[in-house]
């Protein structure tokens, strides 16, 4: 397979993984009552916290997933 095509496919997989896992983290964080930790009327700060936490958690999970995917591709090299 052409090197550029493979790099492009890997880039699409990486971008999609980050978007999906950040979205999943945002969805999961909305199940918590984080608003109780903030002062009343600080809606913007609460939303910003949700965004930053979902990016941090989603990025960590996406990194794990992508590393796991890369490592699983190298397993056949053990046997050959």
N, C-alpha and C. Protein backbone atom coordinates (compact mmCIF):
# COMPACT_ATOMS: atom_id res chain seq x y z
N UNK A 1 0.85 -1.18 0.00
CA UNK A 1 0.00 0.00 0.00
C UNK A 1 0.89 1.24 0.00
N UNK A 2 0.45 2.25 -0.69
CA UNK A 2 1.20 3.49 -0.79
C UNK A 2 1.38 4.11 0.60
N UNK A 3 2.55 4.61 0.87
CA UNK A 3 2.87 5.18 2.18
C UNK A 3 1.97 6.37 2.52
N UNK A 4 1.68 7.20 1.51
CA UNK A 4 0.83 8.38 1.75
C UNK A 4 -0.61 7.98 2.05
N UNK A 5 -1.09 6.96 1.38
CA UNK A 5 -2.46 6.49 1.63
C UNK A 5 -2.56 5.92 3.03
N UNK A 6 -1.56 5.14 3.41
CA UNK A 6 -1.56 4.56 4.75
C UNK A 6 -1.48 5.65 5.83
N UNK A 7 -0.66 6.66 5.60
CA UNK A 7 -0.56 7.77 6.56
C UNK A 7 -1.88 8.53 6.65
N UNK A 8 -2.54 8.72 5.51
CA UNK A 8 -3.83 9.39 5.51
C UNK A 8 -4.90 8.59 6.24
N UNK A 9 -4.91 7.28 6.04
CA UNK A 9 -5.87 6.44 6.75
C UNK A 9 -5.62 6.46 8.25
N UNK A 10 -4.35 6.43 8.63
CA UNK A 10 -4.02 6.48 10.06
C UNK A 10 -4.45 7.81 10.66
N UNK A 11 -4.29 8.89 9.92
CA UNK A 11 -4.70 10.20 10.41
C UNK A 11 -6.22 10.26 10.61
N UNK A 12 -6.97 9.70 9.68
CA UNK A 12 -8.44 9.69 9.82
C UNK A 12 -8.85 8.88 11.03
N UNK A 13 -8.22 7.72 11.23
CA UNK A 13 -8.53 6.89 12.39
C UNK A 13 -8.22 7.64 13.68
N UNK A 14 -7.08 8.32 13.73
CA UNK A 14 -6.70 9.08 14.92
C UNK A 14 -7.70 10.20 15.22
N UNK A 15 -8.05 10.96 14.21
CA UNK A 15 -8.99 12.08 14.42
C UNK A 15 -10.35 11.56 14.88
N UNK A 16 -10.83 10.51 14.23
CA UNK A 16 -12.12 9.95 14.63
C UNK A 16 -12.09 9.39 16.04
N UNK A 17 -10.98 8.74 16.41
CA UNK A 17 -10.87 8.19 17.77
C UNK A 17 -10.93 9.31 18.80
N UNK A 18 -10.20 10.39 18.56
CA UNK A 18 -10.22 11.51 19.50
C UNK A 18 -11.61 12.13 19.60
N UNK A 19 -12.26 12.34 18.48
CA UNK A 19 -13.60 12.95 18.50
C UNK A 19 -14.58 12.04 19.23
N UNK A 20 -14.54 10.76 18.94
CA UNK A 20 -15.49 9.82 19.56
C UNK A 20 -15.25 9.73 21.06
N UNK A 21 -14.01 9.58 21.49
CA UNK A 21 -13.73 9.41 22.91
C UNK A 21 -13.93 10.70 23.70
N UNK A 22 -13.66 11.84 23.11
CA UNK A 22 -13.94 13.10 23.79
C UNK A 22 -15.45 13.27 23.94
N UNK A 23 -16.21 12.93 22.91
CA UNK A 23 -17.67 12.98 23.01
C UNK A 23 -18.21 12.03 24.06
N UNK A 24 -17.65 10.83 24.12
CA UNK A 24 -18.08 9.87 25.14
C UNK A 24 -17.75 10.36 26.54
N UNK A 25 -16.58 10.98 26.70
CA UNK A 25 -16.20 11.51 28.02
C UNK A 25 -17.13 12.66 28.42
N UNK A 26 -17.48 13.51 27.47
CA UNK A 26 -18.42 14.59 27.77
C UNK A 26 -19.77 14.04 28.19
N UNK A 27 -20.23 13.03 27.50
CA UNK A 27 -21.50 12.39 27.84
C UNK A 27 -21.44 11.78 29.23
N UNK A 28 -20.34 11.12 29.54
CA UNK A 28 -20.20 10.49 30.85
C UNK A 28 -20.10 11.54 31.96
N UNK A 29 -19.39 12.63 31.73
CA UNK A 29 -19.25 13.67 32.75
C UNK A 29 -20.58 14.36 33.05
N UNK A 30 -21.48 14.39 32.10
CA UNK A 30 -22.76 15.03 32.33
C UNK A 30 -23.61 14.26 33.33
N UNK A 31 -23.24 13.04 33.64
CA UNK A 31 -23.94 12.26 34.64
C UNK A 31 -23.54 12.62 36.06
N UNK A 32 -22.50 13.44 36.21
CA UNK A 32 -22.05 13.88 37.54
C UNK A 32 -22.68 15.21 37.91
N UNK A 33 -22.75 15.48 39.18
CA UNK A 33 -23.27 16.77 39.66
C UNK A 33 -22.10 17.68 40.03
N UNK A 34 -21.36 18.07 39.03
CA UNK A 34 -20.19 18.91 39.25
C UNK A 34 -20.61 20.34 39.61
N UNK A 35 -21.82 20.71 39.25
CA UNK A 35 -22.30 22.07 39.52
C UNK A 35 -22.23 22.41 41.00
N UNK A 36 -22.33 21.41 41.85
CA UNK A 36 -22.32 21.64 43.30
C UNK A 36 -20.96 22.10 43.80
N UNK A 37 -19.92 21.88 43.02
CA UNK A 37 -18.58 22.32 43.41
C UNK A 37 -18.32 23.79 43.07
N UNK A 38 -19.15 24.37 42.23
CA UNK A 38 -18.96 25.73 41.76
C UNK A 38 -19.92 26.68 42.48
N UNK A 39 -19.58 27.95 42.45
CA UNK A 39 -20.47 28.97 43.01
C UNK A 39 -21.70 29.10 42.11
N UNK A 40 -22.78 29.55 42.70
CA UNK A 40 -24.02 29.72 41.94
C UNK A 40 -23.83 30.79 40.86
N UNK A 41 -24.42 30.54 39.71
CA UNK A 41 -24.37 31.50 38.61
C UNK A 41 -23.11 31.43 37.77
N UNK A 42 -22.27 30.46 38.00
CA UNK A 42 -21.01 30.33 37.24
C UNK A 42 -21.18 29.31 36.11
N UNK A 43 -22.18 29.52 35.29
CA UNK A 43 -22.51 28.57 34.22
C UNK A 43 -21.37 28.42 33.22
N UNK A 44 -20.76 29.54 32.82
CA UNK A 44 -19.68 29.48 31.83
C UNK A 44 -18.50 28.68 32.36
N UNK A 45 -18.14 28.88 33.63
CA UNK A 45 -17.02 28.15 34.21
C UNK A 45 -17.33 26.66 34.29
N UNK A 46 -18.57 26.32 34.60
CA UNK A 46 -18.96 24.90 34.66
C UNK A 46 -18.85 24.26 33.28
N UNK A 47 -19.34 24.95 32.27
CA UNK A 47 -19.27 24.42 30.91
C UNK A 47 -17.82 24.28 30.45
N UNK A 48 -17.00 25.27 30.80
CA UNK A 48 -15.58 25.21 30.45
C UNK A 48 -14.90 24.03 31.14
N UNK A 49 -15.26 23.80 32.39
CA UNK A 49 -14.72 22.65 33.13
C UNK A 49 -15.10 21.34 32.45
N UNK A 50 -16.38 21.22 32.06
CA UNK A 50 -16.82 20.02 31.35
C UNK A 50 -16.02 19.81 30.07
N UNK A 51 -15.81 20.87 29.33
CA UNK A 51 -15.07 20.76 28.06
C UNK A 51 -13.63 20.33 28.31
N UNK A 52 -12.96 21.00 29.25
CA UNK A 52 -11.55 20.66 29.52
C UNK A 52 -11.40 19.25 30.08
N UNK A 53 -12.28 18.86 30.97
CA UNK A 53 -12.20 17.51 31.53
C UNK A 53 -12.50 16.45 30.47
N UNK A 54 -13.47 16.73 29.60
CA UNK A 54 -13.77 15.75 28.56
C UNK A 54 -12.62 15.64 27.57
N UNK A 55 -11.94 16.74 27.28
CA UNK A 55 -10.77 16.68 26.40
C UNK A 55 -9.65 15.89 27.07
N UNK A 56 -9.41 16.14 28.35
CA UNK A 56 -8.34 15.43 29.06
C UNK A 56 -8.63 13.93 29.15
N UNK A 57 -9.84 13.58 29.55
CA UNK A 57 -10.18 12.16 29.69
C UNK A 57 -10.26 11.49 28.33
N UNK A 58 -10.94 12.13 27.37
CA UNK A 58 -11.08 11.56 26.04
C UNK A 58 -9.75 11.38 25.33
N UNK A 59 -8.84 12.34 25.51
CA UNK A 59 -7.51 12.22 24.89
C UNK A 59 -6.73 11.06 25.49
N UNK A 60 -6.82 10.91 26.80
CA UNK A 60 -6.11 9.80 27.46
C UNK A 60 -6.65 8.45 26.98
N UNK A 61 -7.96 8.34 26.87
CA UNK A 61 -8.56 7.08 26.42
C UNK A 61 -8.23 6.84 24.94
N UNK A 62 -8.27 7.88 24.13
CA UNK A 62 -7.93 7.74 22.71
C UNK A 62 -6.47 7.33 22.54
N UNK A 63 -5.57 7.93 23.34
CA UNK A 63 -4.16 7.53 23.29
C UNK A 63 -4.00 6.05 23.63
N UNK A 64 -4.69 5.61 24.68
CA UNK A 64 -4.63 4.20 25.05
C UNK A 64 -5.14 3.33 23.91
N UNK A 65 -6.30 3.68 23.35
CA UNK A 65 -6.89 2.91 22.27
C UNK A 65 -5.98 2.85 21.06
N UNK A 66 -5.41 3.98 20.66
CA UNK A 66 -4.55 4.03 19.48
C UNK A 66 -3.24 3.28 19.71
N UNK A 67 -2.68 3.40 20.92
CA UNK A 67 -1.48 2.63 21.24
C UNK A 67 -1.77 1.13 21.22
N UNK A 68 -2.89 0.75 21.79
CA UNK A 68 -3.28 -0.65 21.79
C UNK A 68 -3.45 -1.16 20.36
N UNK A 69 -4.04 -0.35 19.50
CA UNK A 69 -4.21 -0.72 18.10
C UNK A 69 -2.86 -0.90 17.41
N UNK A 70 -1.93 0.03 17.65
CA UNK A 70 -0.59 -0.08 17.07
C UNK A 70 0.15 -1.31 17.58
N UNK A 71 0.06 -1.56 18.87
CA UNK A 71 0.75 -2.72 19.44
C UNK A 71 0.17 -4.02 18.90
N UNK A 72 -1.14 -4.05 18.72
CA UNK A 72 -1.74 -5.29 18.21
C UNK A 72 -1.33 -5.56 16.76
N UNK A 73 -0.98 -4.51 16.04
CA UNK A 73 -0.51 -4.71 14.66
C UNK A 73 0.87 -5.35 14.63
N UNK A 74 1.66 -5.16 15.69
CA UNK A 74 3.03 -5.69 15.70
C UNK A 74 3.12 -7.09 16.29
N UNK A 75 2.05 -7.61 16.82
CA UNK A 75 2.07 -8.96 17.40
C UNK A 75 2.48 -10.03 16.38
N UNK A 76 2.03 -9.97 15.12
CA UNK A 76 2.48 -11.02 14.18
C UNK A 76 3.98 -11.09 13.96
N UNK A 77 4.72 -10.01 14.28
CA UNK A 77 6.16 -10.03 14.09
C UNK A 77 6.85 -10.96 15.08
N UNK A 78 6.17 -11.34 16.14
CA UNK A 78 6.74 -12.29 17.10
C UNK A 78 6.98 -13.62 16.43
N UNK A 79 6.07 -14.00 15.55
CA UNK A 79 6.11 -15.33 14.95
C UNK A 79 6.84 -15.39 13.61
N UNK A 80 7.39 -14.25 13.20
CA UNK A 80 7.93 -14.43 11.92
C UNK A 80 9.01 -13.62 11.41
